[in-house]
Amino acid sequence: MHYPTFCKASSYLLLSCLFPLASSANIFNVTNLLDSGAGSLRDAITQAEASSGSSQINFQLGGTLDVGSIFPTITNDISISSNGFDVIFDGTSAGNRAFTIALFLLAVVIGP
């Protein structure tokens, strides 16, 4: 099986690890493109990993996210959606690697 490198999610990026999301998923919003801090993707992943059950992370804006270091390892059931915004992950500062995903099953959808 071939897994694509995450560079750009044109319409949406959906990572669904382990099981599909239930309707009672924890919701976390990405409200800025900073590498860390409140409203960042890193913060949303950290909160989702700390919560029980499935989680959904939604981007509320588009643009380029300069990834300073590898994001926390994703081991829980987390979906990440750009909600139609163009989101570009620049992993140059992170050694060209942004995500580590520990999983049994991975569904990756990149497209309109």
C-alpha atoms as a PDB file:
ATOM      1  CA  MET A   1       0.000   0.000   0.000  1.00  0.00           C
ATOM      2  CA  HIS A   2       1.299   3.472  -0.853  1.00  0.00           C
ATOM      3  CA  TYR A   3       0.861   6.475   1.465  1.00  0.00           C
ATOM      4  CA  PRO A   4       1.286   9.974  -0.019  1.00  0.00           C
ATOM      5  CA  THR A   5       3.501  12.671   1.501  1.00  0.00           C
ATOM      6  CA  PHE A   6       1.425  15.473   2.969  1.00  0.00           C
ATOM      7  CA  CYS A   7       2.396  18.664   1.159  1.00  0.00           C
ATOM      8  CA  LYS A   8      -0.864  20.313   0.189  1.00  0.00           C
ATOM      9  CA  ALA A   9      -4.493  19.599   0.884  1.00  0.00           C
ATOM     10  CA  SER A  10      -6.304  21.406  -1.896  1.00  0.00           C
ATOM     11  CA  SER A  11      -9.852  20.977  -0.696  1.00  0.00           C
ATOM     12  CA  TYR A  12      -9.622  18.799   2.337  1.00  0.00           C
ATOM     13  CA  LEU A  13      -7.249  16.546   4.153  1.00  0.00           C
ATOM     14  CA  LEU A  14      -8.865  13.763   6.081  1.00  0.00           C
ATOM     15  CA  LEU A  15      -6.865  11.486   8.310  1.00  0.00           C
ATOM     16  CA  SER A  16      -8.997   8.847   9.904  1.00  0.00           C
ATOM     17  CA  CYS A  17      -6.996   6.586  12.170  1.00  0.00           C
ATOM     18  CA  LEU A  18      -8.325   3.288  13.474  1.00  0.00           C
ATOM     19  CA  PHE A  19     -12.106   3.802  13.146  1.00  0.00           C
ATOM     20  CA  PRO A  20     -14.543   6.223  11.469  1.00  0.00           C
ATOM     21  CA  LEU A  21     -15.667   9.201  13.526  1.00  0.00           C
ATOM     22  CA  ALA A  22     -18.768   8.876  15.639  1.00  0.00           C
ATOM     23  CA  SER A  23     -21.300  11.679  15.673  1.00  0.00           C
ATOM     24  CA  SER A  24     -20.209  12.571  19.218  1.00  0.00           C
ATOM     25  CA  ALA A  25     -16.625  13.412  18.198  1.00  0.00           C
ATOM     26  CA  ASN A  26     -14.619  15.987  20.124  1.00  0.00           C
ATOM     27  CA  ILE A  27     -14.259  19.087  17.898  1.00  0.00           C
ATOM     28  CA  PHE A  28     -11.095  21.222  17.824  1.00  0.00           C
ATOM     29  CA  ASN A  29     -10.660  24.227  15.522  1.00  0.00           C
ATOM     30  CA  VAL A  30      -7.433  25.519  13.989  1.00  0.00           C
ATOM     31  CA  THR A  31      -7.785  29.303  13.971  1.00  0.00           C
ATOM     32  CA  ASN A  32      -4.224  30.356  13.081  1.00  0.00           C
ATOM     33  CA  LEU A  33      -1.246  29.061  11.105  1.00  0.00           C
ATOM     34  CA  LEU A  34       1.276  29.370  13.933  1.00  0.00           C
ATOM     35  CA  ASP A  35       3.415  26.344  14.742  1.00  0.00           C
ATOM     36  CA  SER A  36       2.268  26.263  18.365  1.00  0.00           C
ATOM     37  CA  GLY A  37       0.023  27.931  20.916  1.00  0.00           C
ATOM     38  CA  ALA A  38      -3.721  28.273  21.308  1.00  0.00           C
ATOM     39  CA  GLY A  39      -5.606  27.790  18.029  1.00  0.00           C
ATOM     40  CA  SER A  40      -2.688  26.049  16.272  1.00  0.00           C
ATOM     41  CA  LEU A  41      -2.782  22.613  14.633  1.00  0.00           C
ATOM     42  CA  ARG A  42      -0.164  21.391  17.123  1.00  0.00           C
ATOM     43  CA  ASP A  43      -2.421  22.464  20.018  1.00  0.00           C
ATOM     44  CA  ALA A  44      -5.463  20.815  18.408  1.00  0.00           C
ATOM     45  CA  ILE A  45      -3.562  17.530  17.913  1.00  0.00           C
ATOM     46  CA  THR A  46      -2.308  17.633  21.517  1.00  0.00           C
ATOM     47  CA  GLN A  47      -5.846  18.221  22.829  1.00  0.00           C
ATOM     48  CA  ALA A  48      -7.306  15.517  20.579  1.00  0.00           C
ATOM     49  CA  GLU A  49      -4.676  13.009  21.708  1.00  0.00           C
ATOM     50  CA  ALA A  50      -5.470  13.818  25.364  1.00  0.00           C
ATOM     51  CA  SER A  51      -9.235  13.409  24.914  1.00  0.00           C
ATOM     52  CA  SER A  52     -11.169  10.175  24.999  1.00  0.00           C
ATOM     53  CA  GLY A  53     -13.081   8.953  21.970  1.00  0.00           C
ATOM     54  CA  SER A  54     -12.799  10.175  18.409  1.00  0.00           C
ATOM     55  CA  SER A  55     -11.865  13.749  17.517  1.00  0.00           C
ATOM     56  CA  GLN A  56     -12.274  16.051  14.560  1.00  0.00           C
ATOM     57  CA  ILE A  57      -9.874  18.922  13.825  1.00  0.00           C
ATOM     58  CA  ASN A  58     -11.204  21.632  11.500  1.00  0.00           C
ATOM     59  CA  PHE A  59      -9.172  24.358   9.833  1.00  0.00           C
ATOM     60  CA  GLN A  60     -10.961  27.720   9.922  1.00  0.00           C
ATOM     61  CA  LEU A  61      -8.533  29.350   7.458  1.00  0.00           C
ATOM     62  CA  GLY A  62      -6.111  28.534   4.689  1.00  0.00           C
ATOM     63  CA  GLY A  63      -2.481  29.394   4.002  1.00  0.00           C
ATOM     64  CA  THR A  64       0.988  28.041   4.665  1.00  0.00           C
ATOM     65  CA  LEU A  65       1.817  26.463   7.996  1.00  0.00           C
ATOM     66  CA  ASP A  66       5.595  26.499   8.654  1.00  0.00           C
ATOM     67  CA  VAL A  67       6.086  23.348  10.707  1.00  0.00           C
ATOM     68  CA  GLY A  68       8.941  24.001  13.175  1.00  0.00           C
ATOM     69  CA  SER A  69       9.198  20.406  14.374  1.00  0.00           C
ATOM     70  CA  ILE A  70       7.381  17.118  13.915  1.00  0.00           C
ATOM     71  CA  PHE A  71       3.808  17.214  15.254  1.00  0.00           C
ATOM     72  CA  PRO A  72       2.899  14.960  18.200  1.00  0.00           C
ATOM     73  CA  THR A  73       2.391  11.350  17.154  1.00  0.00           C
ATOM     74  CA  ILE A  74      -1.231  10.641  16.264  1.00  0.00           C
ATOM     75  CA  THR A  75      -2.389   7.420  17.896  1.00  0.00           C
ATOM     76  CA  ASN A  76      -6.081   8.174  18.473  1.00  0.00           C
ATOM     77  CA  ASP A  77      -9.041   8.311  16.110  1.00  0.00           C
ATOM     78  CA  ILE A  78      -8.567  11.809  14.642  1.00  0.00           C
ATOM     79  CA  SER A  79      -9.908  13.368  11.437  1.00  0.00           C
ATOM     80  CA  ILE A  80      -8.337  16.574  10.113  1.00  0.00           C
ATOM     81  CA  SER A  81     -10.281  18.673   7.596  1.00  0.00           C
ATOM     82  CA  SER A  82      -9.223  21.885   5.845  1.00  0.00           C
ATOM     83  CA  ASN A  83     -12.930  22.639   5.153  1.00  0.00           C
ATOM     84  CA  GLY A  84     -12.198  23.604   1.556  1.00  0.00           C
ATOM     85  CA  PHE A  85      -9.324  25.970   2.418  1.00  0.00           C
ATOM     86  CA  ASP A  86      -5.926  25.519   0.744  1.00  0.00           C
ATOM     87  CA  VAL A  87      -3.554  24.433   3.518  1.00  0.00           C
ATOM     88  CA  ILE A  88       0.128  23.979   2.722  1.00  0.00           C
ATOM     89  CA  PHE A  89       2.437  22.264   5.220  1.00  0.00           C
ATOM     90  CA  ASP A  90       6.034  23.534   4.895  1.00  0.00           C
ATOM     91  CA  GLY A  91       8.062  20.913   6.732  1.00  0.00           C
ATOM     92  CA  THR A  92      11.492  22.319   5.811  1.00  0.00           C
ATOM     93  CA  SER A  93      12.218  23.323   9.429  1.00  0.00           C
ATOM     94  CA  ALA A  94      11.060  19.895  10.634  1.00  0.00           C
ATOM     95  CA  GLY A  95      13.451  17.998   8.368  1.00  0.00           C
ATOM     96  CA  ASN A  96      10.742  17.665   5.665  1.00  0.00           C
ATOM     97  CA  ARG A  97       8.649  15.447   7.921  1.00  0.00           C
ATOM     98  CA  ALA A  98       5.607  16.837   9.718  1.00  0.00           C
ATOM     99  CA  PHE A  99       3.479  13.860  10.823  1.00  0.00           C
ATOM    100  CA  THR A 100       4.070  10.561  12.596  1.00  0.00           C
ATOM    101  CA  ILE A 101       0.967   8.405  12.710  1.00  0.00           C
ATOM    102  CA  ALA A 102       0.810   5.213  14.757  1.00  0.00           C
ATOM    103  CA  LEU A 103      -2.051   3.153  13.394  1.00  0.00           C
ATOM    104  CA  PHE A 104      -3.622  -0.063  12.364  1.00  0.00           C
ATOM    105  CA  LEU A 105      -5.723   1.474   9.591  1.00  0.00           C
ATOM    106  CA  LEU A 106      -5.281   4.776   7.778  1.00  0.00           C
ATOM    107  CA  ALA A 107      -7.595   6.423   5.287  1.00  0.00           C
ATOM    108  CA  VAL A 108      -6.118   9.446   3.529  1.00  0.00           C
ATOM    109  CA  VAL A 109      -8.221  11.542   1.202  1.00  0.00           C
ATOM    110  CA  ILE A 110      -6.683  14.509  -0.615  1.00  0.00           C
ATOM    111  CA  GLY A 111      -8.840  16.216  -3.189  1.00  0.00           C
ATOM    112  CA  PRO A 112     -11.851  18.414  -3.921  1.00  0.00           C
END
